[in-house]
N, C-alpha and C. Protein backbone atom coordinates (compact mmCIF):
# COMPACT_ATOMS: atom_id res chain seq x y z
N UNK A 1 -120.45 74.28 -3.25
CA UNK A 1 -119.18 73.89 -2.68
C UNK A 1 -118.11 74.03 -3.76
N UNK A 2 -117.06 74.66 -3.40
CA UNK A 2 -116.00 74.88 -4.39
C UNK A 2 -115.15 73.62 -4.55
N UNK A 3 -114.33 73.65 -5.58
CA UNK A 3 -113.47 72.51 -5.89
C UNK A 3 -112.46 72.28 -4.76
N UNK A 4 -111.92 73.33 -4.21
CA UNK A 4 -110.94 73.22 -3.12
C UNK A 4 -111.57 72.57 -1.89
N UNK A 5 -112.79 72.98 -1.57
CA UNK A 5 -113.48 72.39 -0.42
C UNK A 5 -113.74 70.90 -0.64
N UNK A 6 -114.12 70.53 -1.86
CA UNK A 6 -114.35 69.11 -2.17
C UNK A 6 -113.07 68.31 -2.03
N UNK A 7 -111.97 68.86 -2.53
CA UNK A 7 -110.68 68.17 -2.42
C UNK A 7 -110.29 67.98 -0.95
N UNK A 8 -110.49 69.02 -0.16
CA UNK A 8 -110.17 68.95 1.26
C UNK A 8 -111.04 67.90 1.95
N UNK A 9 -112.31 67.85 1.59
CA UNK A 9 -113.22 66.87 2.17
C UNK A 9 -112.82 65.45 1.77
N UNK A 10 -112.40 65.25 0.53
CA UNK A 10 -111.94 63.94 0.08
C UNK A 10 -110.69 63.51 0.83
N UNK A 11 -109.77 64.45 1.05
CA UNK A 11 -108.55 64.14 1.80
C UNK A 11 -108.88 63.71 3.23
N UNK A 12 -109.82 64.41 3.85
CA UNK A 12 -110.21 64.07 5.21
C UNK A 12 -110.83 62.67 5.27
N UNK A 13 -111.65 62.33 4.27
CA UNK A 13 -112.25 61.00 4.23
C UNK A 13 -111.17 59.93 4.04
N UNK A 14 -110.18 60.22 3.18
CA UNK A 14 -109.11 59.26 2.95
C UNK A 14 -108.31 59.04 4.22
N UNK A 15 -108.04 60.10 4.97
CA UNK A 15 -107.31 59.96 6.23
C UNK A 15 -108.07 59.08 7.21
N UNK A 16 -109.37 59.31 7.29
CA UNK A 16 -110.19 58.51 8.20
C UNK A 16 -110.20 57.05 7.77
N UNK A 17 -110.34 56.81 6.47
CA UNK A 17 -110.33 55.44 5.96
C UNK A 17 -108.98 54.78 6.20
N UNK A 18 -107.90 55.52 6.01
CA UNK A 18 -106.56 54.96 6.18
C UNK A 18 -106.37 54.47 7.62
N UNK A 19 -106.85 55.22 8.58
CA UNK A 19 -106.72 54.80 9.98
C UNK A 19 -107.53 53.53 10.23
N UNK A 20 -108.72 53.45 9.67
CA UNK A 20 -109.55 52.26 9.83
C UNK A 20 -108.88 51.06 9.16
N UNK A 21 -108.34 51.26 7.96
CA UNK A 21 -107.67 50.16 7.25
C UNK A 21 -106.47 49.66 8.05
N UNK A 22 -105.73 50.56 8.66
CA UNK A 22 -104.58 50.15 9.47
C UNK A 22 -105.03 49.30 10.66
N UNK A 23 -106.08 49.72 11.32
CA UNK A 23 -106.58 48.96 12.46
C UNK A 23 -107.08 47.58 12.03
N UNK A 24 -107.79 47.53 10.92
CA UNK A 24 -108.29 46.25 10.42
C UNK A 24 -107.11 45.35 10.04
N UNK A 25 -106.11 45.92 9.37
CA UNK A 25 -104.93 45.15 8.98
C UNK A 25 -104.22 44.58 10.21
N UNK A 26 -104.01 45.41 11.22
CA UNK A 26 -103.36 44.95 12.45
C UNK A 26 -104.15 43.83 13.12
N UNK A 27 -105.46 43.99 13.18
CA UNK A 27 -106.31 42.98 13.79
C UNK A 27 -106.22 41.65 13.03
N UNK A 28 -106.27 41.72 11.71
CA UNK A 28 -106.18 40.51 10.89
C UNK A 28 -104.82 39.84 11.06
N UNK A 29 -103.75 40.63 11.06
CA UNK A 29 -102.41 40.06 11.21
C UNK A 29 -102.23 39.41 12.59
N UNK A 30 -102.76 40.03 13.62
CA UNK A 30 -102.68 39.45 14.96
C UNK A 30 -103.42 38.11 15.00
N UNK A 31 -104.58 38.07 14.38
CA UNK A 31 -105.34 36.81 14.35
C UNK A 31 -104.59 35.73 13.58
N UNK A 32 -104.04 36.07 12.43
CA UNK A 32 -103.31 35.09 11.62
C UNK A 32 -102.08 34.59 12.36
N UNK A 33 -101.33 35.50 12.98
CA UNK A 33 -100.15 35.08 13.73
C UNK A 33 -100.51 34.20 14.92
N UNK A 34 -101.60 34.52 15.59
CA UNK A 34 -102.03 33.70 16.73
C UNK A 34 -102.40 32.29 16.28
N UNK A 35 -103.14 32.21 15.19
CA UNK A 35 -103.56 30.90 14.67
C UNK A 35 -102.35 30.10 14.22
N UNK A 36 -101.45 30.73 13.47
CA UNK A 36 -100.29 30.00 12.97
C UNK A 36 -99.37 29.57 14.12
N UNK A 37 -99.21 30.41 15.13
CA UNK A 37 -98.40 30.05 16.29
C UNK A 37 -99.02 28.86 17.02
N UNK A 38 -100.32 28.87 17.16
CA UNK A 38 -101.01 27.76 17.81
C UNK A 38 -100.82 26.47 17.02
N UNK A 39 -100.95 26.55 15.69
CA UNK A 39 -100.79 25.35 14.86
C UNK A 39 -99.36 24.82 14.89
N UNK A 40 -98.39 25.72 14.83
CA UNK A 40 -96.99 25.30 14.87
C UNK A 40 -96.68 24.66 16.21
N UNK A 41 -97.16 25.25 17.28
CA UNK A 41 -96.92 24.69 18.62
C UNK A 41 -97.58 23.31 18.74
N UNK A 42 -98.77 23.18 18.19
CA UNK A 42 -99.48 21.91 18.25
C UNK A 42 -98.73 20.84 17.47
N UNK A 43 -98.24 21.18 16.28
CA UNK A 43 -97.48 20.22 15.47
C UNK A 43 -96.18 19.83 16.17
N UNK A 44 -95.51 20.79 16.76
CA UNK A 44 -94.26 20.50 17.48
C UNK A 44 -94.52 19.58 18.66
N UNK A 45 -95.60 19.80 19.35
CA UNK A 45 -95.94 18.95 20.49
C UNK A 45 -96.25 17.53 20.01
N UNK A 46 -96.91 17.41 18.86
CA UNK A 46 -97.21 16.08 18.33
C UNK A 46 -95.93 15.36 17.91
N UNK A 47 -94.97 16.09 17.34
CA UNK A 47 -93.74 15.47 16.88
C UNK A 47 -92.82 15.12 18.04
N UNK A 48 -92.67 16.03 18.98
CA UNK A 48 -91.71 15.86 20.07
C UNK A 48 -92.34 15.15 21.25
N UNK A 49 -93.56 15.45 21.53
CA UNK A 49 -94.21 14.93 22.72
C UNK A 49 -94.25 16.03 23.78
N UNK A 50 -94.94 15.75 24.84
CA UNK A 50 -95.05 16.73 25.91
C UNK A 50 -93.70 16.90 26.60
N UNK A 51 -93.32 18.13 26.84
CA UNK A 51 -92.08 18.43 27.54
C UNK A 51 -92.44 19.13 28.84
N UNK A 52 -92.14 18.46 29.93
CA UNK A 52 -92.44 19.06 31.23
C UNK A 52 -91.32 19.96 31.71
N UNK A 53 -90.08 19.57 31.42
CA UNK A 53 -88.94 20.39 31.82
C UNK A 53 -88.02 20.55 30.63
N UNK A 54 -87.39 21.68 30.55
CA UNK A 54 -86.46 21.95 29.47
C UNK A 54 -85.04 21.69 29.96
N UNK A 55 -84.31 20.84 29.25
CA UNK A 55 -82.93 20.54 29.60
C UNK A 55 -82.04 21.44 28.76
N UNK A 56 -81.73 22.61 29.26
CA UNK A 56 -80.99 23.62 28.52
C UNK A 56 -79.55 23.22 28.29
N UNK A 57 -78.99 22.39 29.16
CA UNK A 57 -77.58 22.00 29.01
C UNK A 57 -77.36 21.22 27.73
N UNK A 58 -78.26 20.30 27.42
CA UNK A 58 -78.14 19.51 26.19
C UNK A 58 -78.25 20.43 24.98
N UNK A 59 -79.15 21.37 25.05
CA UNK A 59 -79.32 22.33 23.96
C UNK A 59 -78.05 23.14 23.74
N UNK A 60 -77.45 23.62 24.82
CA UNK A 60 -76.23 24.43 24.72
C UNK A 60 -75.08 23.60 24.16
N UNK A 61 -74.95 22.35 24.59
CA UNK A 61 -73.89 21.48 24.08
C UNK A 61 -74.05 21.24 22.58
N UNK A 62 -75.28 20.98 22.15
CA UNK A 62 -75.52 20.73 20.72
C UNK A 62 -75.25 21.98 19.89
N UNK A 63 -75.67 23.12 20.37
CA UNK A 63 -75.43 24.37 19.65
C UNK A 63 -73.93 24.66 19.61
N UNK A 64 -73.25 24.44 20.72
CA UNK A 64 -71.81 24.67 20.77
C UNK A 64 -71.07 23.82 19.76
N UNK A 65 -71.45 22.54 19.65
CA UNK A 65 -70.81 21.65 18.68
C UNK A 65 -71.05 22.13 17.26
N UNK A 66 -72.28 22.53 16.97
CA UNK A 66 -72.59 22.96 15.60
C UNK A 66 -71.87 24.26 15.26
N UNK A 67 -71.70 25.15 16.23
CA UNK A 67 -70.98 26.40 15.97
C UNK A 67 -69.51 26.11 15.71
N UNK A 68 -68.93 25.21 16.50
CA UNK A 68 -67.52 24.86 16.30
C UNK A 68 -67.33 24.20 14.94
N UNK A 69 -68.23 23.30 14.57
CA UNK A 69 -68.14 22.65 13.26
C UNK A 69 -68.26 23.66 12.13
N UNK A 70 -69.18 24.60 12.26
CA UNK A 70 -69.35 25.64 11.24
C UNK A 70 -68.10 26.50 11.13
N UNK A 71 -67.52 26.84 12.26
CA UNK A 71 -66.31 27.66 12.27
C UNK A 71 -65.15 26.93 11.59
N UNK A 72 -64.99 25.63 11.89
CA UNK A 72 -63.93 24.85 11.25
C UNK A 72 -64.16 24.74 9.75
N UNK A 73 -65.41 24.57 9.36
CA UNK A 73 -65.74 24.48 7.93
C UNK A 73 -65.41 25.78 7.21
N UNK A 74 -65.72 26.90 7.84
CA UNK A 74 -65.41 28.21 7.25
C UNK A 74 -63.90 28.40 7.15
N UNK A 75 -63.18 27.98 8.19
CA UNK A 75 -61.71 28.09 8.17
C UNK A 75 -61.12 27.29 7.01
N UNK A 76 -61.62 26.07 6.82
CA UNK A 76 -61.12 25.22 5.73
C UNK A 76 -61.38 25.86 4.37
N UNK A 77 -62.57 26.37 4.19
CA UNK A 77 -62.92 26.99 2.90
C UNK A 77 -62.08 28.23 2.64
N UNK A 78 -61.86 29.02 3.68
CA UNK A 78 -61.03 30.22 3.51
C UNK A 78 -59.58 29.85 3.20
N UNK A 79 -59.07 28.81 3.84
CA UNK A 79 -57.70 28.40 3.56
C UNK A 79 -57.58 27.88 2.13
N UNK A 80 -58.59 27.18 1.64
CA UNK A 80 -58.59 26.71 0.26
C UNK A 80 -58.60 27.90 -0.70
N UNK A 81 -59.40 28.90 -0.39
CA UNK A 81 -59.45 30.10 -1.24
C UNK A 81 -58.12 30.83 -1.23
N UNK A 82 -57.48 30.91 -0.07
CA UNK A 82 -56.18 31.58 0.02
C UNK A 82 -55.10 30.81 -0.73
N UNK A 83 -55.18 29.49 -0.74
CA UNK A 83 -54.20 28.68 -1.45
C UNK A 83 -54.37 28.79 -2.96
N UNK A 84 -55.58 29.08 -3.42
CA UNK A 84 -55.81 29.21 -4.86
C UNK A 84 -55.21 30.49 -5.42
N UNK A 85 -55.06 31.50 -4.62
CA UNK A 85 -54.57 32.80 -5.10
C UNK A 85 -53.13 32.79 -5.40
């Protein structure tokens, strides 16, 4: 077997291994993400308690308030920076 044929054979083996490694990596990552998602959900349920219905209106009101507060804070900081110049 010539050197070129050996190199070609090694490249083919590497390609095959690379595909297997990718599949194994994806499988491991899916398992890890599933486990961590399950644990996070379990911890959240323990902290908050069981939620049968989601009250989206309260969530929207709280988010709206925090966005308005953040916007006002940014405005104040920008005005202070403009006054320094």
